[in-house]
Amino acid sequence: MASSKGHAPYLGCEKGAPYGFLGKPESSWTEEEAIQLGIDLVQWHFLSRKNIWRNVFFTEIAQIDLRLVADLEKRYSGFKKFTDRSRQIQESRLVDLPLDKSPKGIDGYHSRWILARHHKGEWEDKPLIINEEQETKITQSMDAVSFLQSKAAEVASDLNNADSNINSAEKS
C-alpha cells in the first residue's frame, strides 16, 4: 500500500512488494504461481540436507501463512502434488538422518516422536498384547528363573556355612 505524499513508507513496503508483511491475498494467486511455489519448495529440499521442515520454507523463506498453503492445496491439484512430494522428502530425511552418528546428527528419538504425532498408526508405539498361551509361557519361565535363583541362594548360604565350619574346625 503506498503511503501519502510526504509520509514515511508503511511497514512492509520496504520489501518491495505491494502487499507488505501480510503477503499476497489468497484470491490473487494463480495456478502457475502456486505450481512455481511448489517447484521452489521441492528444490529447496535439495539445496542442503539440513533443509528438512517444509513449514520452515513456507513461513521463513516464502513468508507465506500456512493456512494459505492449505487453501492452495485444495484449489490446485498441481500444487498439491509438489507439497505431497515435499512431505515424502521430509519424512524420509526424518527417518534417515537419525542414523547419522556425527556430532551434528539429528536425535532419533525426536524424529520418531515427530513422525508419531504427524502419522498416527504408522509410526506410533503400539501396545504389546499377550495372549493366554504366551502368558502361560512367561509365567512358567519366570517360575523357573525364580526357582534357579532360590537354589543359587541356598548353595551360596551352604558354602558360607561350610566355610565357617571348616574355619571353626581349624581353630579348634
Protein backbone atom coordinates (compact mmCIF):
# COMPACT_ATOMS: atom_id res chain seq x y z
CA MET A 1 0.00 0.00 0.00
CA ALA A 2 1.51 3.30 -0.99
CA SER A 3 1.91 6.00 1.61
CA SER A 4 0.57 9.53 1.44
CA LYS A 5 2.69 12.26 -0.07
CA GLY A 6 5.45 13.21 2.34
CA HIS A 7 4.67 10.33 4.71
CA ALA A 8 7.20 7.61 5.53
CA PRO A 9 6.52 4.26 3.84
CA TYR A 10 4.18 1.90 5.67
CA LEU A 11 5.61 -1.14 7.41
CA GLY A 12 6.28 -3.93 4.95
CA CYS A 13 6.60 -1.73 1.89
CA GLU A 14 10.39 -1.81 2.19
CA LYS A 15 10.23 -5.41 0.96
CA GLY A 16 9.40 -4.06 -2.46
CA ALA A 17 6.14 -5.94 -2.63
CA PRO A 18 2.83 -4.14 -2.96
CA TYR A 19 1.30 -6.41 -0.27
CA GLY A 20 3.65 -5.65 2.67
CA PHE A 21 4.11 -8.05 5.60
CA LEU A 22 0.87 -9.93 5.09
CA GLY A 23 1.89 -11.14 1.65
CA LYS A 24 -0.28 -11.79 -1.35
CA PRO A 25 -4.00 -12.29 -0.63
CA GLU A 26 -5.43 -15.77 -1.28
CA SER A 27 -7.66 -14.60 -4.09
CA SER A 28 -4.81 -13.20 -6.20
CA TRP A 29 -2.83 -16.47 -6.55
CA THR A 30 -2.86 -18.09 -9.99
CA GLU A 31 -2.28 -21.77 -10.64
CA GLU A 32 1.05 -21.01 -12.37
CA GLU A 33 2.28 -19.07 -9.32
CA ALA A 34 1.20 -21.87 -6.98
CA ILE A 35 2.96 -24.50 -9.10
CA GLN A 36 6.13 -22.37 -9.20
CA LEU A 37 5.95 -22.14 -5.40
CA GLY A 38 5.70 -25.95 -5.27
CA ILE A 39 8.72 -26.33 -7.57
CA ASP A 40 10.69 -23.91 -5.38
CA LEU A 41 9.71 -25.94 -2.31
CA VAL A 42 10.99 -29.23 -3.70
CA GLN A 43 14.18 -27.58 -4.99
CA TRP A 44 14.73 -26.03 -1.54
CA HIS A 45 14.86 -29.52 -0.03
CA PHE A 46 17.74 -30.43 -2.31
CA LEU A 47 19.83 -27.31 -1.66
CA SER A 48 21.02 -28.78 1.63
CA ARG A 49 20.44 -31.98 3.59
CA LYS A 50 19.54 -29.76 6.53
CA ASN A 51 16.51 -28.37 4.70
CA ILE A 52 14.01 -30.75 6.24
CA TRP A 53 10.95 -28.96 7.57
CA ARG A 54 8.62 -27.82 4.80
CA ASN A 55 6.90 -25.38 7.16
CA VAL A 56 10.23 -23.57 7.53
CA PHE A 57 10.23 -22.97 3.78
CA PHE A 58 6.71 -21.57 3.80
CA THR A 59 6.99 -19.44 6.94
CA GLU A 60 10.58 -18.18 6.69
CA ILE A 61 11.71 -18.42 3.05
CA ALA A 62 8.50 -17.78 1.12
CA GLN A 63 6.92 -15.87 4.06
CA ILE A 64 3.52 -17.43 3.49
CA ASP A 65 0.85 -18.22 6.05
CA LEU A 66 0.33 -21.98 6.38
CA ARG A 67 -3.43 -21.51 6.04
CA LEU A 68 -2.79 -20.12 2.55
CA VAL A 69 -0.80 -23.26 1.72
CA ALA A 70 -3.75 -25.44 2.75
CA ASP A 71 -6.06 -23.31 0.61
CA LEU A 72 -3.74 -23.55 -2.40
CA GLU A 73 -3.58 -27.33 -1.97
CA LYS A 74 -7.37 -27.51 -2.10
CA ARG A 75 -7.65 -25.24 -5.13
CA TYR A 76 -4.78 -26.51 -7.31
CA SER A 77 -4.05 -30.22 -7.67
CA GLY A 78 -0.72 -29.45 -9.39
CA PHE A 79 0.46 -27.58 -6.29
CA LYS A 80 -0.74 -30.43 -4.05
CA LYS A 81 1.50 -32.88 -5.94
CA PHE A 82 4.55 -30.80 -5.04
CA THR A 83 3.56 -30.44 -1.38
CA ASP A 84 2.94 -34.20 -1.17
CA ARG A 85 6.41 -34.80 -2.64
CA SER A 86 7.82 -32.38 -0.08
CA ARG A 87 6.16 -34.34 2.75
CA GLN A 88 7.73 -37.54 1.43
CA ILE A 89 11.19 -35.93 1.36
CA GLN A 90 10.68 -34.58 4.88
CA GLU A 91 9.62 -37.98 6.24
CA SER A 92 12.44 -39.85 4.54
CA ARG A 93 15.00 -37.45 5.98
CA LEU A 94 13.49 -37.70 9.44
CA VAL A 95 13.84 -41.46 9.24
CA ASP A 96 17.28 -41.42 7.63
CA LEU A 97 19.14 -38.65 9.44
CA PRO A 98 18.97 -40.12 12.97
CA LEU A 99 21.26 -42.84 11.66
CA ASP A 100 23.91 -40.14 11.20
CA LYS A 101 26.24 -40.65 14.16
CA SER A 102 28.20 -37.44 13.65
CA PRO A 103 28.17 -34.89 16.48
CA LYS A 104 25.78 -32.71 14.49
CA GLY A 105 23.41 -35.58 13.66
CA ILE A 106 19.71 -35.40 14.45
CA ASP A 107 18.31 -37.07 17.56
CA GLY A 108 16.49 -40.24 16.50
CA TYR A 109 14.05 -40.16 19.40
CA HIS A 110 12.93 -36.67 18.47
CA SER A 111 12.39 -37.70 14.85
CA ARG A 112 10.35 -40.73 15.86
CA TRP A 113 8.25 -38.57 18.19
CA ILE A 114 7.54 -36.05 15.42
CA LEU A 115 6.59 -38.79 12.96
CA ALA A 116 4.32 -40.44 15.52
CA ARG A 117 2.48 -37.17 16.07
CA HIS A 118 2.01 -36.47 12.37
CA HIS A 119 1.23 -40.01 11.24
CA LYS A 120 -0.93 -41.74 13.80
CA GLY A 121 -0.90 -45.50 13.45
CA GLU A 122 2.08 -45.80 11.14
CA TRP A 123 4.83 -44.54 13.47
CA GLU A 124 3.34 -44.54 16.96
CA ASP A 125 4.37 -47.07 19.57
CA LYS A 126 1.85 -49.86 19.75
CA PRO A 127 0.83 -51.60 22.99
CA LEU A 128 2.06 -55.15 23.47
CA ILE A 129 -0.83 -57.63 23.53
CA ILE A 130 -0.14 -61.04 25.07
CA ASN A 131 -2.50 -63.96 24.58
CA GLU A 132 -3.11 -66.68 27.21
CA GLU A 133 -0.59 -69.13 25.73
CA GLN A 134 2.17 -66.53 25.80
CA GLU A 135 1.22 -65.53 29.33
CA THR A 136 1.49 -69.16 30.46
CA LYS A 137 4.96 -69.50 28.91
CA ILE A 138 6.12 -66.27 30.54
CA THR A 139 4.77 -67.38 33.93
CA GLN A 140 6.46 -70.79 33.65
CA SER A 141 9.77 -69.28 32.60
CA MET A 142 9.60 -66.77 35.44
CA ASP A 143 8.86 -69.62 37.87
CA ALA A 144 11.92 -71.46 36.54
CA VAL A 145 14.07 -68.36 36.94
CA SER A 146 12.80 -67.82 40.49
CA PHE A 147 13.46 -71.50 41.30
CA LEU A 148 17.02 -71.32 39.97
CA GLN A 149 17.70 -68.09 41.83
CA SER A 150 16.46 -69.59 45.08
CA LYS A 151 18.65 -72.69 44.56
CA ALA A 152 21.65 -70.47 43.86
CA ALA A 153 20.98 -68.60 47.09
CA GLU A 154 20.75 -71.90 49.04
CA VAL A 155 24.05 -73.13 47.56
CA ALA A 156 25.72 -69.85 48.41
CA SER A 157 24.49 -70.00 52.02
CA ASP A 158 25.59 -73.67 52.28
CA LEU A 159 29.06 -72.69 51.05
CA ASN A 160 29.23 -69.93 53.61
CA ASN A 161 28.19 -72.40 56.32
CA ALA A 162 30.76 -74.95 55.08
CA ASP A 163 33.46 -72.29 55.12
CA SER A 164 32.54 -71.31 58.62
CA ASN A 165 32.54 -74.99 59.71
CA ILE A 166 35.97 -75.53 58.16
CA ASN A 167 37.32 -72.38 59.70
CA SER A 168 35.95 -73.27 63.09
CA ALA A 169 37.35 -76.82 62.83
CA GLU A 170 40.81 -75.48 62.03
CA LYS A 171 40.76 -73.14 65.01
CA SER A 172 39.94 -75.85 67.49
